[in-house]
Amino acid sequence: MQKSLQSAEYQHLIALLVAARHKAGIRQHALAMKLGKPQSFVAKYEGGERRLDVIEFITIAEALGADPIKLLRRYLRDQRG
């Protein structure tokens, strides 16, 4: 497994969060405000400049109104093909 911000696996995980944000109709700035972070925080993880830890992933998913467990299950299902 490649440990990189640029790995296909990590990019797919972030793509799921981006899709959840779009589905929720929330802009980066509004999400950042919900998280108590600057807009650059969202831009950096979505752009592959910053890696998220599991706690951040859960917090972001919940701020988007998405179920983090369902997102992770979808990620795993997609990875298994």
PDB file of N, CA and C in Angstrom:
ATOM      1  N   MET A   1       0.846  -1.175   0.000  1.00  0.00           N
ATOM      2  CA  MET A   1       0.000   0.000   0.000  1.00  0.00           C
ATOM      3  C   MET A   1       0.893   1.240   0.000  1.00  0.00           C
ATOM      4  N   GLN A   2       0.622   2.108  -0.918  1.00  0.00           N
ATOM      5  CA  GLN A   2       1.365   3.355  -1.025  1.00  0.00           C
ATOM      6  C   GLN A   2       0.885   4.333   0.046  1.00  0.00           C
ATOM      7  N   LYS A   3       1.813   4.887   0.832  1.00  0.00           N
ATOM      8  CA  LYS A   3       1.454   5.849   1.869  1.00  0.00           C
ATOM      9  C   LYS A   3       1.696   7.242   1.312  1.00  0.00           C
ATOM     10  N   SER A   4       0.670   7.771   0.666  1.00  0.00           N
ATOM     11  CA  SER A   4       0.844   9.047   0.002  1.00  0.00           C
ATOM     12  C   SER A   4      -0.486   9.754  -0.152  1.00  0.00           C
ATOM     13  N   LEU A   5      -0.407  11.072  -0.184  1.00  0.00           N
ATOM     14  CA  LEU A   5      -1.599  11.864  -0.457  1.00  0.00           C
ATOM     15  C   LEU A   5      -2.080  11.626  -1.881  1.00  0.00           C
ATOM     16  N   GLN A   6      -1.178  11.160  -2.721  1.00  0.00           N
ATOM     17  CA  GLN A   6      -1.504  10.980  -4.124  1.00  0.00           C
ATOM     18  C   GLN A   6      -1.922   9.554  -4.483  1.00  0.00           C
ATOM     19  N   SER A   7      -1.997   8.667  -3.501  1.00  0.00           N
ATOM     20  CA  SER A   7      -2.403   7.294  -3.809  1.00  0.00           C
ATOM     21  C   SER A   7      -3.842   7.274  -4.309  1.00  0.00           C
ATOM     22  N   ALA A   8      -4.124   6.343  -5.168  1.00  0.00           N
ATOM     23  CA  ALA A   8      -5.475   6.210  -5.711  1.00  0.00           C
ATOM     24  C   ALA A   8      -6.486   5.948  -4.598  1.00  0.00           C
ATOM     25  N   GLU A   9      -6.076   5.183  -3.607  1.00  0.00           N
ATOM     26  CA  GLU A   9      -6.977   4.855  -2.501  1.00  0.00           C
ATOM     27  C   GLU A   9      -7.362   6.106  -1.712  1.00  0.00           C
ATOM     28  N   TYR A  10      -6.367   6.925  -1.401  1.00  0.00           N
ATOM     29  CA  TYR A  10      -6.651   8.134  -0.631  1.00  0.00           C
ATOM     30  C   TYR A  10      -7.466   9.122  -1.462  1.00  0.00           C
ATOM     31  N   GLN A  11      -7.130   9.266  -2.722  1.00  0.00           N
ATOM     32  CA  GLN A  11      -7.879  10.168  -3.595  1.00  0.00           C
ATOM     33  C   GLN A  11      -9.343   9.743  -3.687  1.00  0.00           C
ATOM     34  N   HIS A  12      -9.588   8.439  -3.708  1.00  0.00           N
ATOM     35  CA  HIS A  12     -10.974   7.956  -3.765  1.00  0.00           C
ATOM     36  C   HIS A  12     -11.718   8.283  -2.467  1.00  0.00           C
ATOM     37  N   LEU A  13     -11.049   8.129  -1.336  1.00  0.00           N
ATOM     38  CA  LEU A  13     -11.677   8.454  -0.055  1.00  0.00           C
ATOM     39  C   LEU A  13     -12.068   9.937  -0.010  1.00  0.00           C
ATOM     40  N   ILE A  14     -11.179  10.791  -0.459  1.00  0.00           N
ATOM     41  CA  ILE A  14     -11.463  12.228  -0.480  1.00  0.00           C
ATOM     42  C   ILE A  14     -12.577  12.533  -1.484  1.00  0.00           C
ATOM     43  N   ALA A  15     -12.582  11.836  -2.592  1.00  0.00           N
ATOM     44  CA  ALA A  15     -13.643  12.044  -3.590  1.00  0.00           C
ATOM     45  C   ALA A  15     -15.015  11.741  -2.981  1.00  0.00           C
ATOM     46  N   LEU A  16     -15.084  10.759  -2.089  1.00  0.00           N
ATOM     47  CA  LEU A  16     -16.352  10.460  -1.416  1.00  0.00           C
ATOM     48  C   LEU A  16     -16.788  11.620  -0.524  1.00  0.00           C
ATOM     49  N   LEU A  17     -15.840  12.236   0.172  1.00  0.00           N
ATOM     50  CA  LEU A  17     -16.173  13.397   1.001  1.00  0.00           C
ATOM     51  C   LEU A  17     -16.596  14.590   0.143  1.00  0.00           C
ATOM     52  N   VAL A  18     -15.915  14.799  -0.963  1.00  0.00           N
ATOM     53  CA  VAL A  18     -16.271  15.900  -1.863  1.00  0.00           C
ATOM     54  C   VAL A  18     -17.677  15.666  -2.418  1.00  0.00           C
ATOM     55  N   ALA A  19     -17.963  14.431  -2.818  1.00  0.00           N
ATOM     56  CA  ALA A  19     -19.300  14.112  -3.340  1.00  0.00           C
ATOM     57  C   ALA A  19     -20.360  14.333  -2.262  1.00  0.00           C
ATOM     58  N   ALA A  20     -20.054  13.976  -1.035  1.00  0.00           N
ATOM     59  CA  ALA A  20     -21.002  14.197   0.066  1.00  0.00           C
ATOM     60  C   ALA A  20     -21.230  15.692   0.276  1.00  0.00           C
ATOM     61  N   ARG A  21     -20.168  16.481   0.145  1.00  0.00           N
ATOM     62  CA  ARG A  21     -20.317  17.935   0.294  1.00  0.00           C
ATOM     63  C   ARG A  21     -21.192  18.498  -0.824  1.00  0.00           C
ATOM     64  N   HIS A  22     -20.948  18.061  -2.042  1.00  0.00           N
ATOM     65  CA  HIS A  22     -21.772  18.529  -3.157  1.00  0.00           C
ATOM     66  C   HIS A  22     -23.223  18.102  -2.989  1.00  0.00           C
ATOM     67  N   LYS A  23     -23.424  16.860  -2.569  1.00  0.00           N
ATOM     68  CA  LYS A  23     -24.788  16.353  -2.356  1.00  0.00           C
ATOM     69  C   LYS A  23     -25.519  17.174  -1.300  1.00  0.00           C
ATOM     70  N   ALA A  24     -24.783  17.604  -0.282  1.00  0.00           N
ATOM     71  CA  ALA A  24     -25.372  18.411   0.794  1.00  0.00           C
ATOM     72  C   ALA A  24     -25.572  19.864   0.366  1.00  0.00           C
ATOM     73  N   GLY A  25     -24.998  20.246  -0.777  1.00  0.00           N
ATOM     74  CA  GLY A  25     -25.135  21.619  -1.253  1.00  0.00           C
ATOM     75  C   GLY A  25     -24.374  22.622  -0.407  1.00  0.00           C
ATOM     76  N   ILE A  26     -23.256  22.184   0.138  1.00  0.00           N
ATOM     77  CA  ILE A  26     -22.454  23.031   1.026  1.00  0.00           C
ATOM     78  C   ILE A  26     -21.157  23.427   0.326  1.00  0.00           C
ATOM     79  N   ARG A  27     -20.846  24.703   0.354  1.00  0.00           N
ATOM     80  CA  ARG A  27     -19.587  25.195  -0.202  1.00  0.00           C
ATOM     81  C   ARG A  27     -18.459  24.977   0.807  1.00  0.00           C
ATOM     82  N   GLN A  28     -17.235  25.020   0.297  1.00  0.00           N
ATOM     83  CA  GLN A  28     -16.078  24.826   1.171  1.00  0.00           C
ATOM     84  C   GLN A  28     -16.089  25.799   2.350  1.00  0.00           C
ATOM     85  N   HIS A  29     -16.386  27.049   2.083  1.00  0.00           N
ATOM     86  CA  HIS A  29     -16.356  28.065   3.144  1.00  0.00           C
ATOM     87  C   HIS A  29     -17.373  27.741   4.241  1.00  0.00           C
ATOM     88  N   ALA A  30     -18.575  27.345   3.846  1.00  0.00           N
ATOM     89  CA  ALA A  30     -19.614  27.019   4.834  1.00  0.00           C
ATOM     90  C   ALA A  30     -19.220  25.791   5.656  1.00  0.00           C
ATOM     91  N   LEU A  31     -18.615  24.801   5.016  1.00  0.00           N
ATOM     92  CA  LEU A  31     -18.160  23.614   5.740  1.00  0.00           C
ATOM     93  C   LEU A  31     -17.065  24.001   6.726  1.00  0.00           C
ATOM     94  N   ALA A  32     -16.143  24.811   6.276  1.00  0.00           N
ATOM     95  CA  ALA A  32     -15.058  25.253   7.162  1.00  0.00           C
ATOM     96  C   ALA A  32     -15.616  25.971   8.385  1.00  0.00           C
ATOM     97  N   MET A  33     -16.624  26.801   8.185  1.00  0.00           N
ATOM     98  CA  MET A  33     -17.235  27.505   9.312  1.00  0.00           C
ATOM     99  C   MET A  33     -17.852  26.512  10.296  1.00  0.00           C
ATOM    100  N   LYS A  34     -18.532  25.478   9.777  1.00  0.00           N
ATOM    101  CA  LYS A  34     -19.118  24.453  10.651  1.00  0.00           C
ATOM    102  C   LYS A  34     -18.049  23.730  11.457  1.00  0.00           C
ATOM    103  N   LEU A  35     -16.880  23.570  10.852  1.00  0.00           N
ATOM    104  CA  LEU A  35     -15.788  22.856  11.499  1.00  0.00           C
ATOM    105  C   LEU A  35     -14.946  23.747  12.404  1.00  0.00           C
ATOM    106  N   GLY A  36     -15.169  25.049  12.304  1.00  0.00           N
ATOM    107  CA  GLY A  36     -14.353  25.986  13.070  1.00  0.00           C
ATOM    108  C   GLY A  36     -12.935  26.093  12.533  1.00  0.00           C
ATOM    109  N   LYS A  37     -12.810  25.909  11.225  1.00  0.00           N
ATOM    110  CA  LYS A  37     -11.510  25.922  10.553  1.00  0.00           C
ATOM    111  C   LYS A  37     -11.526  26.970   9.453  1.00  0.00           C
ATOM    112  N   PRO A  38     -10.353  27.371   8.965  1.00  0.00           N
ATOM    113  CA  PRO A  38     -10.321  28.269   7.806  1.00  0.00           C
ATOM    114  C   PRO A  38     -10.707  27.508   6.539  1.00  0.00           C
ATOM    115  N   GLN A  39     -11.170  28.227   5.547  1.00  0.00           N
ATOM    116  CA  GLN A  39     -11.555  27.602   4.278  1.00  0.00           C
ATOM    117  C   GLN A  39     -10.389  26.831   3.668  1.00  0.00           C
ATOM    118  N   SER A  40      -9.173  27.289   3.913  1.00  0.00           N
ATOM    119  CA  SER A  40      -7.999  26.614   3.357  1.00  0.00           C
ATOM    120  C   SER A  40      -7.857  25.178   3.873  1.00  0.00           C
ATOM    121  N   PHE A  41      -8.371  24.903   5.069  1.00  0.00           N
ATOM    122  CA  PHE A  41      -8.342  23.534   5.607  1.00  0.00           C
ATOM    123  C   PHE A  41      -9.086  22.590   4.667  1.00  0.00           C
ATOM    124  N   VAL A  42     -10.284  22.998   4.257  1.00  0.00           N
ATOM    125  CA  VAL A  42     -11.090  22.175   3.357  1.00  0.00           C
ATOM    126  C   VAL A  42     -10.418  22.092   1.986  1.00  0.00           C
ATOM    127  N   ALA A  43      -9.964  23.221   1.481  1.00  0.00           N
ATOM    128  CA  ALA A  43      -9.314  23.249   0.164  1.00  0.00           C
ATOM    129  C   ALA A  43      -8.077  22.353   0.142  1.00  0.00           C
ATOM    130  N   LYS A  44      -7.322  22.350   1.221  1.00  0.00           N
ATOM    131  CA  LYS A  44      -6.089  21.560   1.249  1.00  0.00           C
ATOM    132  C   LYS A  44      -6.355  20.065   1.288  1.00  0.00           C
ATOM    133  N   TYR A  45      -7.329  19.607   2.072  1.00  0.00           N
ATOM    134  CA  TYR A  45      -7.562  18.157   2.058  1.00  0.00           C
ATOM    135  C   TYR A  45      -8.261  17.735   0.772  1.00  0.00           C
ATOM    136  N   GLU A  46      -9.156  18.566   0.254  1.00  0.00           N
ATOM    137  CA  GLU A  46      -9.813  18.211  -1.007  1.00  0.00           C
ATOM    138  C   GLU A  46      -8.836  18.244  -2.176  1.00  0.00           C
ATOM    139  N   GLY A  47      -7.852  19.117  -2.104  1.00  0.00           N
ATOM    140  CA  GLY A  47      -6.864  19.232  -3.176  1.00  0.00           C
ATOM    141  C   GLY A  47      -5.677  18.299  -3.043  1.00  0.00           C
ATOM    142  N   GLY A  48      -5.665  17.483  -2.008  1.00  0.00           N
ATOM    143  CA  GLY A  48      -4.599  16.516  -1.838  1.00  0.00           C
ATOM    144  C   GLY A  48      -3.330  17.085  -1.226  1.00  0.00           C
ATOM    145  N   GLU A  49      -3.424  18.231  -0.592  1.00  0.00           N
ATOM    146  CA  GLU A  49      -2.247  18.831   0.048  1.00  0.00           C
ATOM    147  C   GLU A  49      -2.150  18.466   1.524  1.00  0.00           C
ATOM    148  N   ARG A  50      -3.229  17.953   2.087  1.00  0.00           N
ATOM    149  CA  ARG A  50      -3.259  17.644   3.514  1.00  0.00           C
ATOM    150  C   ARG A  50      -3.957  16.317   3.718  1.00  0.00           C
ATOM    151  N   ARG A  51      -3.392  15.493   4.581  1.00  0.00           N
ATOM    152  CA  ARG A  51      -3.971  14.185   4.879  1.00  0.00           C
ATOM    153  C   ARG A  51      -4.878  14.305   6.103  1.00  0.00           C
ATOM    154  N   LEU A  52      -6.016  13.636   6.049  1.00  0.00           N
ATOM    155  CA  LEU A  52      -6.950  13.620   7.171  1.00  0.00           C
ATOM    156  C   LEU A  52      -6.698  12.400   8.043  1.00  0.00           C
ATOM    157  N   ASP A  53      -6.902  12.566   9.346  1.00  0.00           N
ATOM    158  CA  ASP A  53      -6.897  11.390  10.198  1.00  0.00           C
ATOM    159  C   ASP A  53      -8.345  10.913  10.348  1.00  0.00           C
ATOM    160  N   VAL A  54      -8.536   9.800  11.004  1.00  0.00           N
ATOM    161  CA  VAL A  54      -9.866   9.198  11.093  1.00  0.00           C
ATOM    162  C   VAL A  54     -10.844  10.083  11.868  1.00  0.00           C
ATOM    163  N   ILE A  55     -10.366  10.765  12.894  1.00  0.00           N
ATOM    164  CA  ILE A  55     -11.243  11.640  13.677  1.00  0.00           C
ATOM    165  C   ILE A  55     -11.714  12.807  12.811  1.00  0.00           C
ATOM    166  N   GLU A  56     -10.809  13.372  12.037  1.00  0.00           N
ATOM    167  CA  GLU A  56     -11.186  14.469  11.136  1.00  0.00           C
ATOM    168  C   GLU A  56     -12.186  13.988  10.091  1.00  0.00           C
ATOM    169  N   PHE A  57     -11.965  12.783   9.545  1.00  0.00           N
ATOM    170  CA  PHE A  57     -12.894  12.222   8.557  1.00  0.00           C
ATOM    171  C   PHE A  57     -14.294  12.118   9.146  1.00  0.00           C
ATOM    172  N   ILE A  58     -14.395  11.588  10.342  1.00  0.00           N
ATOM    173  CA  ILE A  58     -15.697  11.429  11.004  1.00  0.00           C
ATOM    174  C   ILE A  58     -16.345  12.790  11.239  1.00  0.00           C
ATOM    175  N   THR A  59     -15.580  13.744  11.741  1.00  0.00           N
ATOM    176  CA  THR A  59     -16.099  15.080  12.024  1.00  0.00           C
ATOM    177  C   THR A  59     -16.606  15.756  10.760  1.00  0.00           C
ATOM    178  N   ILE A  60     -15.852  15.632   9.681  1.00  0.00           N
ATOM    179  CA  ILE A  60     -16.248  16.245   8.404  1.00  0.00           C
ATOM    180  C   ILE A  60     -17.512  15.581   7.873  1.00  0.00           C
ATOM    181  N   ALA A  61     -17.535  14.258   7.867  1.00  0.00           N
ATOM    182  CA  ALA A  61     -18.722  13.544   7.377  1.00  0.00           C
ATOM    183  C   ALA A  61     -19.967  13.960   8.159  1.00  0.00           C
ATOM    184  N   GLU A  62     -19.854  14.025   9.468  1.00  0.00           N
ATOM    185  CA  GLU A  62     -20.999  14.409  10.285  1.00  0.00           C
ATOM    186  C   GLU A  62     -21.402  15.857  10.045  1.00  0.00           C
ATOM    187  N   ALA A  63     -20.435  16.745   9.817  1.00  0.00           N
ATOM    188  CA  ALA A  63     -20.754  18.146   9.522  1.00  0.00           C
ATOM    189  C   ALA A  63     -21.507  18.265   8.202  1.00  0.00           C
ATOM    190  N   LEU A  64     -21.298  17.300   7.315  1.00  0.00           N
ATOM    191  CA  LEU A  64     -21.994  17.286   6.023  1.00  0.00           C
ATOM    192  C   LEU A  64     -23.350  16.586   6.114  1.00  0.00           C
ATOM    193  N   GLY A  65     -23.654  16.039   7.279  1.00  0.00           N
ATOM    194  CA  GLY A  65     -24.903  15.295   7.433  1.00  0.00           C
ATOM    195  C   GLY A  65     -24.819  13.904   6.841  1.00  0.00           C
ATOM    196  N   ALA A  66     -23.597  13.421   6.632  1.00  0.00           N
ATOM    197  CA  ALA A  66     -23.384  12.083   6.074  1.00  0.00           C
ATOM    198  C   ALA A  66     -22.988  11.136   7.197  1.00  0.00           C
ATOM    199  N   ASP A  67     -23.299   9.881   7.012  1.00  0.00           N
ATOM    200  CA  ASP A  67     -22.939   8.856   7.982  1.00  0.00           C
ATOM    201  C   ASP A  67     -21.512   8.383   7.663  1.00  0.00           C
ATOM    202  N   PRO A  68     -20.556   8.629   8.552  1.00  0.00           N
ATOM    203  CA  PRO A  68     -19.178   8.236   8.251  1.00  0.00           C
ATOM    204  C   PRO A  68     -19.009   6.730   8.061  1.00  0.00           C
ATOM    205  N   ILE A  69     -19.785   5.938   8.756  1.00  0.00           N
ATOM    206  CA  ILE A  69     -19.701   4.485   8.598  1.00  0.00           C
ATOM    207  C   ILE A  69     -20.152   4.082   7.193  1.00  0.00           C
ATOM    208  N   LYS A  70     -21.235   4.685   6.713  1.00  0.00           N
ATOM    209  CA  LYS A  70     -21.706   4.374   5.359  1.00  0.00           C
ATOM    210  C   LYS A  70     -20.692   4.808   4.313  1.00  0.00           C
ATOM    211  N   LEU A  71     -20.061   5.957   4.531  1.00  0.00           N
ATOM    212  CA  LEU A  71     -19.025   6.401   3.595  1.00  0.00           C
ATOM    213  C   LEU A  71     -17.850   5.418   3.571  1.00  0.00           C
ATOM    214  N   LEU A  72     -17.426   4.957   4.746  1.00  0.00           N
ATOM    215  CA  LEU A  72     -16.330   3.996   4.801  1.00  0.00           C
ATOM    216  C   LEU A  72     -16.719   2.657   4.177  1.00  0.00           C
ATOM    217  N   ARG A  73     -17.949   2.240   4.398  1.00  0.00           N
ATOM    218  CA  ARG A  73     -18.409   0.989   3.769  1.00  0.00           C
ATOM    219  C   ARG A  73     -18.421   1.117   2.250  1.00  0.00           C
ATOM    220  N   ARG A  74     -18.865   2.277   1.774  1.00  0.00           N
ATOM    221  CA  ARG A  74     -18.861   2.494   0.329  1.00  0.00           C
ATOM    222  C   ARG A  74     -17.434   2.474  -0.202  1.00  0.00           C
ATOM    223  N   TYR A  75     -16.524   3.110   0.507  1.00  0.00           N
ATOM    224  CA  TYR A  75     -15.117   3.103   0.113  1.00  0.00           C
ATOM    225  C   TYR A  75     -14.602   1.674   0.020  1.00  0.00           C
ATOM    226  N   LEU A  76     -14.854   0.875   1.055  1.00  0.00           N
ATOM    227  CA  LEU A  76     -14.389  -0.514   1.057  1.00  0.00           C
ATOM    228  C   LEU A  76     -15.017  -1.329  -0.064  1.00  0.00           C
ATOM    229  N   ARG A  77     -16.298  -1.143  -0.291  1.00  0.00           N
ATOM    230  CA  ARG A  77     -16.987  -1.859  -1.368  1.00  0.00           C
ATOM    231  C   ARG A  77     -16.373  -1.493  -2.714  1.00  0.00           C
ATOM    232  N   ASP A  78     -16.122  -0.204  -2.928  1.00  0.00           N
ATOM    233  CA  ASP A  78     -15.524   0.259  -4.183  1.00  0.00           C
ATOM    234  C   ASP A  78     -14.115  -0.301  -4.368  1.00  0.00           C
ATOM    235  N   GLN A  79     -13.356  -0.406  -3.292  1.00  0.00           N
ATOM    236  CA  GLN A  79     -11.986  -0.898  -3.386  1.00  0.00           C
ATOM    237  C   GLN A  79     -11.931  -2.387  -3.707  1.00  0.00           C
ATOM    238  N   ARG A  80     -12.933  -3.103  -3.257  1.00  0.00           N
ATOM    239  CA  ARG A  80     -12.968  -4.552  -3.504  1.00  0.00           C
ATOM    240  C   ARG A  80     -13.470  -4.875  -4.903  1.00  0.00           C
ATOM    241  N   GLY A  81     -14.071  -3.857  -5.539  1.00  0.00           N
ATOM    242  CA  GLY A  81     -14.537  -4.016  -6.919  1.00  0.00           C
ATOM    243  C   GLY A  81     -15.735  -4.829  -7.007  1.00  0.00           C
TER     244      GLY A  81
END
